[in-house]
N, C-alpha and C. Protein backbone atom coordinates (compact mmCIF):
# COMPACT_ATOMS: atom_id res chain seq x y z
N MET A 1 0.89 -1.25 -0.06
CA MET A 1 0.07 -0.15 -0.12
C MET A 1 1.39 1.39 0.12
N THR A 2 0.44 2.37 -0.26
CA THR A 2 1.32 3.37 -0.76
C THR A 2 1.10 4.49 0.73
N LYS A 3 2.16 5.03 0.76
CA LYS A 3 2.25 5.62 2.05
C LYS A 3 0.98 6.82 1.69
N MET A 4 0.27 7.48 1.02
CA MET A 4 -0.86 8.53 1.28
C MET A 4 -1.64 7.98 1.02
N PHE A 5 -1.93 6.74 0.18
CA PHE A 5 -3.47 5.91 0.60
C PHE A 5 -3.44 5.54 1.51
N LYS A 6 -2.47 4.92 2.67
CA LYS A 6 -2.70 4.53 3.42
C LYS A 6 -3.06 5.38 4.99
N LYS A 7 -2.72 6.48 4.90
CA LYS A 7 -2.94 7.79 5.53
C LYS A 7 -3.99 8.31 5.30
N LEU A 8 -5.20 7.84 3.91
CA LEU A 8 -6.31 8.17 3.61
C LEU A 8 -7.02 7.13 4.66
N LEU A 9 -6.57 5.77 4.26
CA LEU A 9 -7.51 4.43 4.61
C LEU A 9 -7.71 4.65 6.42
N GLU A 10 -6.30 5.34 7.13
CA GLU A 10 -6.64 5.49 8.44
C GLU A 10 -7.43 6.60 9.07
N ILE A 11 -7.74 7.90 8.18
CA ILE A 11 -8.71 8.73 8.53
C ILE A 11 -10.24 8.61 8.21
N ILE A 12 -10.10 7.37 7.57
CA ILE A 12 -11.81 6.86 6.99
C ILE A 12 -11.74 5.96 8.28
N ARG A 13 -11.13 5.15 8.68
CA ARG A 13 -11.24 4.15 10.42
C ARG A 13 -11.18 5.04 11.59
N SER A 14 -10.92 6.21 11.49
CA SER A 14 -10.84 6.89 12.23
C SER A 14 -11.75 7.35 13.64
N ASP A 15 -12.03 7.63 14.54
CA ASP A 15 -13.09 8.20 15.54
C ASP A 15 -13.51 9.75 15.01
N GLU A 16 -12.39 10.66 14.52
CA GLU A 16 -12.84 11.59 14.29
C GLU A 16 -13.39 11.85 12.76
N PHE A 17 -13.37 10.92 11.91
CA PHE A 17 -14.25 10.63 10.90
C PHE A 17 -15.50 10.65 11.49
N ARG A 18 -15.75 9.14 12.04
CA ARG A 18 -16.98 9.05 12.39
C ARG A 18 -17.86 10.21 12.67
N VAL A 19 -17.12 10.98 13.71
CA VAL A 19 -17.63 12.06 14.42
C VAL A 19 -18.19 12.75 13.58
N GLN A 20 -17.41 13.34 12.40
CA GLN A 20 -17.71 14.32 11.63
C GLN A 20 -18.56 13.64 10.46
N LEU A 21 -18.54 12.77 10.14
CA LEU A 21 -19.70 11.83 9.31
C LEU A 21 -21.05 12.25 9.98
N ALA A 22 -21.21 11.77 11.11
CA ALA A 22 -22.38 12.07 11.88
C ALA A 22 -22.89 13.68 11.83
N GLU A 23 -22.15 14.14 11.78
CA GLU A 23 -22.60 15.60 11.99
C GLU A 23 -22.82 15.96 10.32
N LEU A 24 -22.17 15.78 9.32
CA LEU A 24 -22.51 15.43 7.85
C LEU A 24 -24.05 14.74 7.48
N ASN A 25 -24.32 13.99 8.17
CA ASN A 25 -25.60 13.35 7.97
C ASN A 25 -26.66 14.20 8.47
N ASP A 26 -26.25 14.54 9.76
CA ASP A 26 -27.42 15.40 10.53
C ASP A 26 -27.77 16.92 9.56
N ASN A 27 -26.80 17.23 9.13
CA ASN A 27 -26.83 18.17 8.41
C ASN A 27 -27.48 17.90 6.60
N PHE A 28 -27.00 16.89 6.23
CA PHE A 28 -27.23 16.78 4.64
C PHE A 28 -27.78 15.65 4.47
N PHE A 29 -29.15 15.32 5.62
CA PHE A 29 -29.46 13.65 5.29
C PHE A 29 -30.48 13.66 3.99
N ASN A 30 -31.04 14.78 3.69
CA ASN A 30 -31.52 14.59 2.40
C ASN A 30 -31.34 14.85 0.90
N LEU A 31 -30.00 14.80 1.10
CA LEU A 31 -29.03 14.73 -0.44
C LEU A 31 -28.05 13.97 -0.37
N LYS A 32 -27.71 13.36 -1.57
CA LYS A 32 -26.63 12.35 -1.82
C LYS A 32 -25.05 12.74 -1.53
N GLN A 33 -24.47 12.09 -0.72
CA GLN A 33 -23.07 12.84 0.12
C GLN A 33 -22.22 12.86 -0.57
N GLU A 34 -22.18 12.13 -1.74
CA GLU A 34 -20.70 11.95 -2.74
C GLU A 34 -19.68 13.03 -2.22
N ILE A 35 -19.87 14.18 -2.69
CA ILE A 35 -19.31 15.42 -2.52
C ILE A 35 -19.02 15.75 -1.33
N HIS A 36 -19.99 15.74 -0.16
CA HIS A 36 -19.67 16.22 1.21
C HIS A 36 -18.42 15.22 1.52
N ILE A 37 -18.96 14.00 1.12
CA ILE A 37 -17.61 12.68 2.05
C ILE A 37 -16.67 13.18 1.43
N ARG A 38 -16.46 13.67 0.34
CA ARG A 38 -15.17 13.58 -0.49
C ARG A 38 -14.14 14.77 0.16
N ASN A 39 -15.22 15.66 0.39
CA ASN A 39 -14.47 17.04 0.78
C ASN A 39 -14.08 17.13 2.37
N LEU A 40 -14.90 16.51 2.86
CA LEU A 40 -14.62 15.93 4.85
C LEU A 40 -13.03 15.17 4.39
N LEU A 41 -13.07 14.04 3.59
CA LEU A 41 -11.64 13.50 3.66
C LEU A 41 -10.69 14.26 2.98
N LEU A 42 -11.06 15.45 2.36
CA LEU A 42 -9.50 16.09 1.56
C LEU A 42 -9.44 17.00 3.00
N VAL A 43 -10.21 17.76 3.96
CA VAL A 43 -10.06 18.57 4.77
C VAL A 43 -9.18 17.57 6.02
N LEU A 44 -9.68 16.99 6.42
CA LEU A 44 -9.15 16.07 7.32
C LEU A 44 -7.28 15.65 7.05
N PHE A 45 -7.41 15.07 5.79
CA PHE A 45 -6.28 14.74 5.28
C PHE A 45 -5.28 15.63 4.92
N ASN A 46 -5.59 16.99 4.27
CA ASN A 46 -4.71 18.31 4.97
C ASN A 46 -4.58 18.98 6.27
N ARG A 47 -5.41 18.71 7.30
CA ARG A 47 -5.17 18.94 8.39
C ARG A 47 -4.41 18.47 9.01
N TYR A 48 -3.96 17.08 8.76
CA TYR A 48 -3.08 16.22 9.55
C TYR A 48 -1.90 15.84 8.64
N HIS A 49 -1.91 16.47 7.33
CA HIS A 49 -0.45 15.31 6.54
C HIS A 49 -0.14 16.71 5.53
N SER A 50 -0.69 17.87 5.59
CA SER A 50 0.00 18.80 4.43
C SER A 50 1.09 19.37 5.15
N GLN A 51 1.24 19.41 6.37
CA GLN A 51 2.91 19.85 6.59
C GLN A 51 4.34 18.63 6.55
N GLU A 52 3.34 17.60 5.74
CA GLU A 52 4.45 16.43 5.61
C GLU A 52 4.64 16.75 4.02
N GLY A 53 4.09 17.72 3.24
CA GLY A 53 4.53 17.87 2.08
C GLY A 53 3.86 17.02 1.34
N ILE A 54 2.61 16.51 1.85
CA ILE A 54 1.75 15.74 1.24
C ILE A 54 0.10 16.57 1.01
N ARG A 55 -0.59 16.08 -0.07
CA ARG A 55 -1.94 17.40 -0.01
C ARG A 55 -2.88 16.32 -0.86
N ALA A 56 -4.49 16.62 -0.34
CA ALA A 56 -5.20 16.05 -1.17
C ALA A 56 -5.88 16.95 -2.05
N LEU A 57 -6.44 17.08 -2.91
CA LEU A 57 -6.81 17.79 -3.77
C LEU A 57 -8.32 17.33 -4.77
N ALA A 58 -8.89 18.00 -4.79
CA ALA A 58 -10.68 17.80 -5.39
C ALA A 58 -10.52 18.16 -6.86
N GLU A 59 -11.50 17.39 -7.76
CA GLU A 59 -11.51 17.74 -9.19
C GLU A 59 -10.38 18.11 -9.66
N TYR A 60 -9.13 16.97 -9.52
CA TYR A 60 -7.80 17.40 -9.72
C TYR A 60 -7.17 16.07 -10.15
N PRO A 61 -6.45 15.48 -11.07
CA PRO A 61 -6.10 16.60 -12.07
C PRO A 61 -7.39 16.81 -13.35
N ARG A 62 -7.34 18.10 -14.17
CA ARG A 62 -8.25 17.70 -15.31
C ARG A 62 -7.46 17.97 -16.75
N ARG A 63 -8.32 16.37 -17.16
CA ARG A 63 -7.75 16.63 -18.61
C ARG A 63 -8.93 16.90 -19.80
N LYS A 64 -7.83 17.21 -21.23
CA LYS A 64 -8.94 17.61 -21.66
C LYS A 64 -9.41 15.99 -22.51
N ASN A 65 -10.93 16.23 -23.29
CA ASN A 65 -10.91 14.56 -24.11
C ASN A 65 -10.69 15.20 -24.97
N PRO A 66 -10.46 13.76 -25.78
CA PRO A 66 -10.39 14.16 -27.56
C PRO A 66 -11.31 14.65 -28.52
N GLU A 67 -12.78 14.19 -27.73
CA GLU A 67 -13.73 14.87 -28.50
C GLU A 67 -14.31 16.00 -28.20
N THR A 68 -15.15 16.83 -28.69
CA THR A 68 -15.40 17.97 -28.50
C THR A 68 -16.80 17.70 -28.04
N LEU A 69 -17.38 18.80 -27.55
CA LEU A 69 -19.13 19.07 -27.58
C LEU A 69 -19.58 19.17 -28.75
N GLU A 70 -21.16 19.07 -28.87
CA GLU A 70 -21.68 19.44 -30.17
C GLU A 70 -21.55 20.96 -30.36
N ASP A 71 -21.71 21.57 -29.23
CA ASP A 71 -21.66 23.29 -29.45
C ASP A 71 -20.00 23.73 -29.94
N GLY A 72 -19.35 22.87 -30.08
CA GLY A 72 -17.59 22.95 -30.42
C GLY A 72 -16.76 23.34 -28.88
N ARG A 73 -17.20 23.42 -28.05
CA ARG A 73 -16.53 23.85 -26.96
C ARG A 73 -15.74 22.18 -26.48
N ILE A 74 -14.78 22.29 -25.75
CA ILE A 74 -13.77 21.45 -25.42
C ILE A 74 -14.37 20.77 -23.75
N SER A 75 -14.42 19.10 -24.04
CA SER A 75 -14.72 18.74 -22.77
C SER A 75 -13.86 18.07 -21.69
N TYR A 76 -14.32 18.51 -20.50
CA TYR A 76 -12.86 17.67 -19.90
C TYR A 76 -13.11 16.79 -19.03
N THR A 77 -12.48 15.88 -18.35
CA THR A 77 -12.69 14.65 -17.55
C THR A 77 -11.91 15.22 -16.22
N ARG A 78 -12.39 15.40 -15.00
CA ARG A 78 -11.76 15.21 -13.70
C ARG A 78 -11.77 14.47 -12.79
N VAL A 79 -10.19 13.94 -12.14
CA VAL A 79 -10.45 13.50 -11.11
C VAL A 79 -11.01 13.62 -9.47
N ASP A 80 -11.93 13.02 -9.34
CA ASP A 80 -12.21 13.06 -7.75
C ASP A 80 -11.85 13.91 -6.78
N LEU A 81 -10.58 12.97 -6.59
CA LEU A 81 -9.52 13.31 -5.64
C LEU A 81 -8.57 12.72 -5.94
N SER A 82 -7.44 13.25 -5.30
CA SER A 82 -5.86 13.11 -5.89
C SER A 82 -5.36 13.50 -4.65
N LEU A 83 -4.08 12.38 -4.53
CA LEU A 83 -3.21 12.65 -3.28
C LEU A 83 -1.76 13.14 -4.10
N ALA A 84 -1.23 14.65 -3.52
CA ALA A 84 -0.18 15.05 -4.21
C ALA A 84 0.67 14.92 -3.07
N ASP A 85 2.01 14.69 -3.92
CA ASP A 85 3.39 14.66 -2.96
C ASP A 85 4.12 15.75 -4.04
N LYS A 86 4.58 16.72 -2.98
CA LYS A 86 5.17 18.30 -3.75
C LYS A 86 6.56 17.88 -4.20
N GLU A 87 6.99 16.61 -4.15
CA GLU A 87 8.25 16.14 -4.78
C GLU A 87 8.04 15.23 -6.01
N GLU A 88 6.71 14.75 -5.80
CA GLU A 88 6.28 13.86 -7.27
C GLU A 88 4.75 14.60 -7.95
N LYS A 89 4.76 16.07 -7.78
CA LYS A 89 3.57 16.75 -8.12
C LYS A 89 3.29 16.04 -9.64
N GLU A 90 3.84 15.49 -10.38
CA GLU A 90 3.43 15.07 -11.63
C GLU A 90 2.71 13.96 -12.02
N ASN A 91 2.82 13.29 -10.47
CA ASN A 91 2.33 11.77 -10.73
C ASN A 91 1.70 11.50 -9.38
N PRO A 92 0.55 12.59 -9.14
CA PRO A 92 -0.52 12.26 -8.02
C PRO A 92 -1.54 10.88 -8.05
N PHE A 93 -1.62 10.57 -7.36
CA PHE A 93 -2.47 9.18 -6.79
C PHE A 93 -3.82 9.57 -7.31
N GLU A 94 -4.43 9.31 -8.03
CA GLU A 94 -5.69 9.32 -8.00
C GLU A 94 -6.77 8.09 -7.97
N ILE A 95 -7.73 9.34 -7.12
CA ILE A 95 -9.10 8.26 -6.78
C ILE A 95 -10.23 8.57 -7.27
N GLU A 96 -11.12 7.52 -7.88
CA GLU A 96 -12.47 8.06 -8.09
C GLU A 96 -13.51 7.54 -7.32
N LEU A 97 -14.41 8.00 -6.71
CA LEU A 97 -15.54 7.96 -5.87
C LEU A 97 -16.78 7.93 -6.27
N LYS A 98 -17.68 6.92 -5.75
CA LYS A 98 -19.27 6.82 -6.11
C LYS A 98 -20.00 6.80 -5.17
N TYR A 99 -21.13 6.52 -5.16
CA TYR A 99 -21.60 7.11 -3.85
C TYR A 99 -23.22 6.22 -4.05
N HIS A 100 -23.71 5.15 -3.77
CA HIS A 100 -25.06 4.35 -3.83
C HIS A 100 -25.88 4.28 -2.79
N PHE A 101 -26.77 3.72 -2.74
CA PHE A 101 -27.55 2.96 -1.59
C PHE A 101 -27.82 1.66 -2.23
N PRO A 102 -28.46 0.41 -1.21
CA PRO A 102 -28.49 -0.70 -1.19
C PRO A 102 -29.18 -1.24 -2.38
N LYS A 103 -30.14 -0.72 -2.96
CA LYS A 103 -31.04 -0.92 -3.97
C LYS A 103 -30.90 -0.34 -5.21
N ASP A 104 -29.87 0.22 -5.21
CA ASP A 104 -28.98 1.14 -6.49
C ASP A 104 -28.83 -0.26 -7.52
N LYS A 105 -28.68 0.10 -8.84
CA LYS A 105 -27.79 -1.11 -9.86
C LYS A 105 -28.33 -2.20 -9.68
N GLY A 106 -29.73 -2.35 -9.35
CA GLY A 106 -29.96 -3.99 -9.38
C GLY A 106 -29.51 -4.87 -8.81
N GLY A 107 -28.92 -4.20 -7.39
CA GLY A 107 -28.14 -4.85 -6.03
C GLY A 107 -27.11 -5.32 -6.35
N PHE A 108 -26.55 -4.38 -7.21
CA PHE A 108 -24.66 -5.07 -7.54
C PHE A 108 -24.50 -6.04 -8.09
N SER A 109 -25.20 -6.48 -9.00
CA SER A 109 -25.03 -7.84 -9.40
C SER A 109 -24.30 -8.04 -10.62
N LYS A 110 -23.79 -6.94 -11.17
CA LYS A 110 -23.08 -6.41 -12.39
C LYS A 110 -22.22 -5.19 -12.13
N TYR A 111 -21.71 -4.93 -11.13
CA TYR A 111 -21.03 -4.09 -10.58
C TYR A 111 -19.67 -4.15 -11.23
N GLU A 112 -18.99 -5.01 -11.68
CA GLU A 112 -17.91 -5.22 -12.68
C GLU A 112 -17.55 -4.41 -13.52
N GLU A 113 -18.94 -3.94 -14.09
CA GLU A 113 -19.18 -2.74 -15.25
C GLU A 113 -18.31 -1.64 -14.85
N SER A 114 -19.07 -1.43 -13.74
CA SER A 114 -18.67 0.28 -13.22
C SER A 114 -17.25 0.00 -12.67
N ILE A 115 -16.85 -0.95 -12.00
CA ILE A 115 -15.41 -1.24 -11.71
C ILE A 115 -14.44 -0.74 -13.23
N GLN A 116 -14.74 -1.58 -13.85
CA GLN A 116 -13.62 -1.76 -15.28
C GLN A 116 -13.89 -0.10 -16.01
N LYS A 117 -15.83 0.64 -15.91
CA LYS A 117 -15.52 1.89 -16.49
C LYS A 117 -14.60 3.15 -15.70
N HIS A 118 -14.79 3.02 -14.26
CA HIS A 118 -14.56 4.07 -13.38
C HIS A 118 -13.05 3.99 -12.70
N PHE A 119 -12.74 2.65 -12.66
CA PHE A 119 -11.38 2.06 -12.16
C PHE A 119 -10.53 1.63 -13.30
N ILE A 120 -10.37 0.65 -13.90
CA ILE A 120 -9.62 -0.13 -15.23
C ILE A 120 -9.19 0.83 -16.23
N ASP A 121 -10.02 1.33 -16.78
CA ASP A 121 -10.27 2.07 -17.89
C ASP A 121 -9.58 3.40 -17.75
N ARG A 122 -9.93 3.96 -16.66
CA ARG A 122 -9.45 5.43 -16.39
C ARG A 122 -8.05 5.28 -16.02
N LYS A 123 -7.39 3.90 -15.76
CA LYS A 123 -6.41 3.78 -14.86
C LYS A 123 -5.94 4.74 -13.57
N SER A 124 -7.28 4.61 -12.73
CA SER A 124 -7.29 5.26 -11.77
C SER A 124 -5.91 4.20 -10.83
N ASP A 125 -5.41 4.79 -9.95
CA ASP A 125 -4.95 4.34 -8.76
C ASP A 125 -5.94 3.88 -7.27
N GLY A 126 -6.73 4.90 -7.47
CA GLY A 126 -7.74 3.93 -6.07
C GLY A 126 -9.09 4.31 -5.99
N PHE A 127 -9.95 3.05 -5.80
CA PHE A 127 -11.46 3.79 -6.30
C PHE A 127 -12.24 3.65 -4.78
N ILE A 128 -13.12 4.15 -4.44
CA ILE A 128 -13.85 4.35 -3.21
C ILE A 128 -15.32 4.65 -3.69
N LEU A 129 -16.25 3.12 -3.26
CA LEU A 129 -17.50 3.01 -3.44
C LEU A 129 -18.11 3.21 -1.81
N ILE A 130 -18.81 4.43 -1.69
CA ILE A 130 -19.48 4.29 -0.61
C ILE A 130 -20.89 3.87 -0.79
N ILE A 131 -21.60 2.70 0.37
CA ILE A 131 -23.08 2.66 0.22
C ILE A 131 -23.40 3.40 1.56
N CYS A 132 -25.16 4.07 1.30
CA CYS A 132 -25.51 4.71 2.79
C CYS A 132 -26.63 4.02 2.57
N ASP A 133 -26.58 3.33 3.90
CA ASP A 133 -27.47 2.13 4.30
C ASP A 133 -28.60 2.70 5.34
N SER A 134 -29.79 3.30 5.54
CA SER A 134 -30.29 3.95 6.73
C SER A 134 -31.37 3.07 6.98
N ASP A 135 -31.44 3.23 8.71
CA ASP A 135 -32.67 2.56 9.40
C ASP A 135 -34.20 3.15 8.65
N THR A 136 -34.57 2.36 7.85
CA THR A 136 -36.16 2.55 7.06
C THR A 136 -36.98 3.67 7.90
N ASN A 137 -37.07 3.10 9.11
CA ASN A 137 -38.55 3.63 10.03
C ASN A 137 -37.84 5.17 10.88
N GLY A 138 -36.62 5.13 10.73
CA GLY A 138 -36.07 6.16 11.40
C GLY A 138 -35.70 7.36 10.61
N ARG A 139 -35.50 7.09 9.34
CA ARG A 139 -35.20 8.03 7.80
C ARG A 139 -36.55 8.46 7.65
N GLU A 140 -37.32 7.71 7.77
CA GLU A 140 -39.08 8.06 7.31
C GLU A 140 -39.92 9.03 8.44
N ASN A 141 -39.63 8.48 9.51
CA ASN A 141 -39.78 9.51 10.86
C ASN A 141 -39.25 10.95 10.57
N PHE A 142 -37.91 11.17 10.56
CA PHE A 142 -37.49 12.25 10.87
C PHE A 142 -37.79 13.22 9.65
N GLU A 143 -37.82 12.40 8.01
CA GLU A 143 -38.07 13.42 7.09
C GLU A 143 -39.84 13.84 6.86
N ASN A 144 -40.69 12.97 7.56
CA ASN A 144 -42.15 13.32 8.06
C ASN A 144 -42.13 14.59 9.05
N THR A 145 -41.13 14.75 9.81
CA THR A 145 -40.80 15.96 10.61
C THR A 145 -40.83 17.13 10.19
N TRP A 146 -39.61 17.30 9.05
CA TRP A 146 -38.86 18.26 8.72
C TRP A 146 -39.15 18.39 7.10
N LEU A 147 -39.54 17.35 6.03
CA LEU A 147 -39.60 18.00 4.99
C LEU A 147 -41.02 17.39 4.14
N ASN A 148 -41.55 18.54 3.50
CA ASN A 148 -42.97 18.54 3.11
C ASN A 148 -42.89 17.26 1.92
N ASP A 149 -41.91 17.16 1.23
CA ASP A 149 -41.50 16.29 0.25
C ASP A 149 -40.64 15.20 0.87
N GLU A 150 -40.86 13.92 0.77
CA GLU A 150 -39.76 12.91 1.33
C GLU A 150 -38.83 12.64 0.35
N THR A 151 -37.61 12.31 0.63
CA THR A 151 -36.81 12.07 -0.06
C THR A 151 -37.43 10.58 -0.83
N MET A 152 -36.46 9.57 -1.45
CA MET A 152 -37.06 8.09 -2.20
C MET A 152 -36.07 7.22 -1.24
N PHE A 153 -34.87 8.22 -0.51
CA PHE A 153 -33.74 7.11 0.04
C PHE A 153 -34.34 6.30 1.06
N SER A 154 -35.51 6.46 1.85
CA SER A 154 -36.14 5.29 2.46
C SER A 154 -36.17 4.00 1.61
N LYS A 155 -36.54 4.18 0.72
CA LYS A 155 -37.00 2.90 -0.38
C LYS A 155 -35.96 2.22 -1.20
N LEU A 156 -34.68 2.86 -0.60
CA LEU A 156 -33.29 2.30 -1.38
C LEU A 156 -32.44 1.46 -0.29
N SER A 157 -33.35 1.41 0.99
CA SER A 157 -32.37 1.04 1.92
C SER A 157 -32.53 -0.57 1.76
N SER A 158 -32.16 -1.69 2.27
CA SER A 158 -32.62 -2.87 2.43
C SER A 158 -32.02 -3.47 3.39
N ASP A 159 -32.85 -4.68 4.10
CA ASP A 159 -32.18 -5.66 5.03
C ASP A 159 -31.91 -6.91 4.21
N ASP A 160 -31.72 -7.02 3.17
CA ASP A 160 -31.45 -8.31 2.49
C ASP A 160 -29.74 -7.66 2.15
N LEU A 161 -29.17 -8.54 2.40
CA LEU A 161 -27.56 -8.08 2.16
C LEU A 161 -27.17 -8.59 1.71
N LYS A 162 -27.98 -9.27 0.05
CA LYS A 162 -27.12 -9.84 -1.18
C LYS A 162 -26.32 -9.09 -1.86
N TRP A 163 -26.57 -7.60 -1.76
CA TRP A 163 -25.94 -6.42 -2.50
C TRP A 163 -24.80 -6.42 -1.53
N LYS A 164 -24.55 -6.65 -0.48
CA LYS A 164 -23.23 -6.65 0.19
C LYS A 164 -22.50 -7.83 -0.45
N ASN A 165 -22.84 -8.92 -0.42
CA ASN A 165 -22.06 -9.94 -0.83
C ASN A 165 -21.43 -9.83 -2.36
N ASN A 166 -22.37 -9.14 -3.26
CA ASN A 166 -22.01 -8.93 -4.49
C ASN A 166 -20.70 -8.20 -4.57
N LEU A 167 -21.14 -6.96 -3.85
CA LEU A 167 -20.08 -6.06 -4.04
C LEU A 167 -19.10 -6.76 -3.52
N LYS A 168 -18.60 -7.50 -2.52
CA LYS A 168 -17.59 -7.46 -1.71
C LYS A 168 -16.96 -8.69 -2.58
N GLU A 169 -17.37 -9.55 -3.30
CA GLU A 169 -17.02 -10.49 -4.38
C GLU A 169 -16.68 -9.91 -5.44
N LYS A 170 -17.00 -8.75 -6.15
CA LYS A 170 -16.60 -7.91 -6.98
C LYS A 170 -15.35 -6.87 -7.12
N PHE A 171 -15.13 -6.76 -6.09
CA PHE A 171 -14.06 -5.94 -5.15
C PHE A 171 -12.90 -7.21 -5.11
N GLU A 172 -13.34 -7.95 -4.54
CA GLU A 172 -12.17 -9.02 -4.06
C GLU A 172 -11.62 -9.96 -5.51
N ASN A 173 -12.94 -9.67 -6.61
CA ASN A 173 -11.96 -10.84 -7.73
C ASN A 173 -11.50 -9.57 -8.69
N THR A 174 -11.24 -8.09 -8.35
CA THR A 174 -10.45 -7.34 -9.41
C THR A 174 -9.31 -7.46 -9.92
N ALA A 175 -8.86 -7.63 -10.84
CA ALA A 175 -7.61 -7.96 -10.78
C ALA A 175 -6.50 -7.11 -10.67
N ASP A 176 -5.32 -7.33 -10.71
CA ASP A 176 -4.40 -6.29 -10.35
C ASP A 176 -4.57 -5.22 -9.02
N SER A 177 -5.07 -5.63 -8.13
CA SER A 177 -5.45 -4.50 -6.81
C SER A 177 -5.42 -5.21 -5.55
N GLN A 178 -6.21 -4.09 -4.55
CA GLN A 178 -6.35 -4.85 -3.46
C GLN A 178 -7.56 -4.28 -2.87
N ALA A 179 -8.51 -5.00 -2.03
CA ALA A 179 -9.83 -4.55 -1.89
C ALA A 179 -9.47 -4.26 -0.43
N TYR A 180 -10.40 -3.40 0.10
CA TYR A 180 -10.51 -2.78 1.56
C TYR A 180 -11.86 -2.99 1.61
N PHE A 181 -12.21 -2.94 3.06
CA PHE A 181 -13.73 -2.84 3.41
C PHE A 181 -13.64 -1.88 4.98
N SER A 182 -14.65 -1.15 5.01
CA SER A 182 -14.67 -0.38 6.08
C SER A 182 -16.74 -0.18 6.50
N GLU A 183 -16.99 -0.01 7.67
CA GLU A 183 -18.22 0.25 7.96
C GLU A 183 -18.10 1.14 8.78
N ILE A 184 -19.07 2.25 9.20
CA ILE A 184 -18.90 3.11 10.01
C ILE A 184 -20.60 3.31 10.51
N THR A 185 -21.14 3.52 11.48
CA THR A 185 -22.33 3.40 11.36
C THR A 185 -22.46 4.99 12.76
N VAL A 186 -23.24 5.89 12.11
CA VAL A 186 -23.82 6.81 12.94
C VAL A 186 -25.27 6.82 13.40
N GLU A 187 -25.24 7.75 14.47
CA GLU A 187 -26.98 7.33 14.74
C GLU A 187 -27.77 8.75 14.83
N LYS A 188 -27.21 9.79 14.04
CA LYS A 188 -27.65 11.17 13.91
C LYS A 188 -28.27 11.25 12.30
N PRO A 189 -28.85 11.86 11.96
CA PRO A 189 -30.01 12.01 12.99
C PRO A 189 -31.28 11.15 13.34
N PHE A 190 -30.45 9.70 12.34
CA PHE A 190 -31.13 8.23 12.41
C PHE A 190 -30.15 7.62 12.10
N LYS A 191 -30.20 6.01 12.58
CA LYS A 191 -28.95 5.08 12.56
C LYS A 191 -28.91 4.57 10.91
N THR A 192 -27.64 5.27 10.32
CA THR A 192 -27.35 4.81 9.22
C THR A 192 -25.92 4.22 8.93
N THR A 193 -25.76 3.36 8.25
CA THR A 193 -24.50 2.81 8.15
C THR A 193 -23.87 3.15 6.56
N TYR A 194 -22.83 3.84 6.82
CA TYR A 194 -21.81 3.53 5.74
C TYR A 194 -20.90 2.59 5.47
N HIS A 195 -21.09 1.87 4.06
CA HIS A 195 -19.97 1.22 3.78
C HIS A 195 -19.02 1.27 2.71
N PHE A 196 -18.06 1.50 3.07
CA PHE A 196 -16.70 1.95 2.20
C PHE A 196 -16.45 0.40 1.31
N PHE A 197 -16.41 0.27 -0.06
CA PHE A 197 -15.45 -0.73 -0.73
C PHE A 197 -14.59 -0.43 -1.25
N ILE A 198 -13.32 -0.59 -1.12
CA ILE A 198 -12.48 0.46 -1.64
C ILE A 198 -11.18 -0.82 -2.31
N LEU A 199 -10.81 -0.23 -3.14
CA LEU A 199 -9.43 -0.62 -4.34
C LEU A 199 -8.39 -0.37 -4.41
N GLU A 200 -7.17 -0.54 -4.38
CA GLU A 200 -6.37 0.08 -4.44
C GLU A 200 -5.58 -0.63 -5.72
N GLY A 201 -4.96 0.42 -7.08
CA GLY A 201 -4.37 -0.57 -7.81
C GLY A 201 -2.74 -1.09 -7.62
N LYS A 202 -2.76 -2.27 -8.14
CA LYS A 202 -1.15 -2.70 -7.95
C LYS A 202 -0.30 -2.37 -9.12
N LYS A 203 0.95 -1.64 -8.97
CA LYS A 203 1.56 -1.46 -9.77
C LYS A 203 2.83 -1.82 -9.81
């Protein structure tokens, strides 16, 4: 495991990240939280490691796509999260992030196609999939209290763990990579478990 990626995994497994994740969920329960979690990881990584000459960066690098848009504009691809060493800034550790719910993607029975697209084809160094699984009754009660229109998120949770087994199998069987798994449960504003499925490419 690379030094920078190891430090990122340590943050994901830390008590501080869990506490901050609970605050994030309490404030942004009605949104998909991919960007919020990405930004939280970035802030904590830089808080503890920027003085070591390494830094997390969002939406970087930005690369020009070979094709242009229909109106003639140039399109770009941005990496979700990169870890950069100031001594090797031309070669950042590039990570793609995805965020889903248990009932997304048909139970993830064919998620190897997404891994191929976002991790292998993009030649990413790392891939982090976050699955948000909330207590259905707790979410519905909280949303009924505060929202005039409920989100669809409570309908996307599942007591059937087949989705979890599918993903674990897909990640463990991804060639030329190492899989890591982590679960974080928070209680604010209702019980929610964040499942982190993580890949690091072997080079």
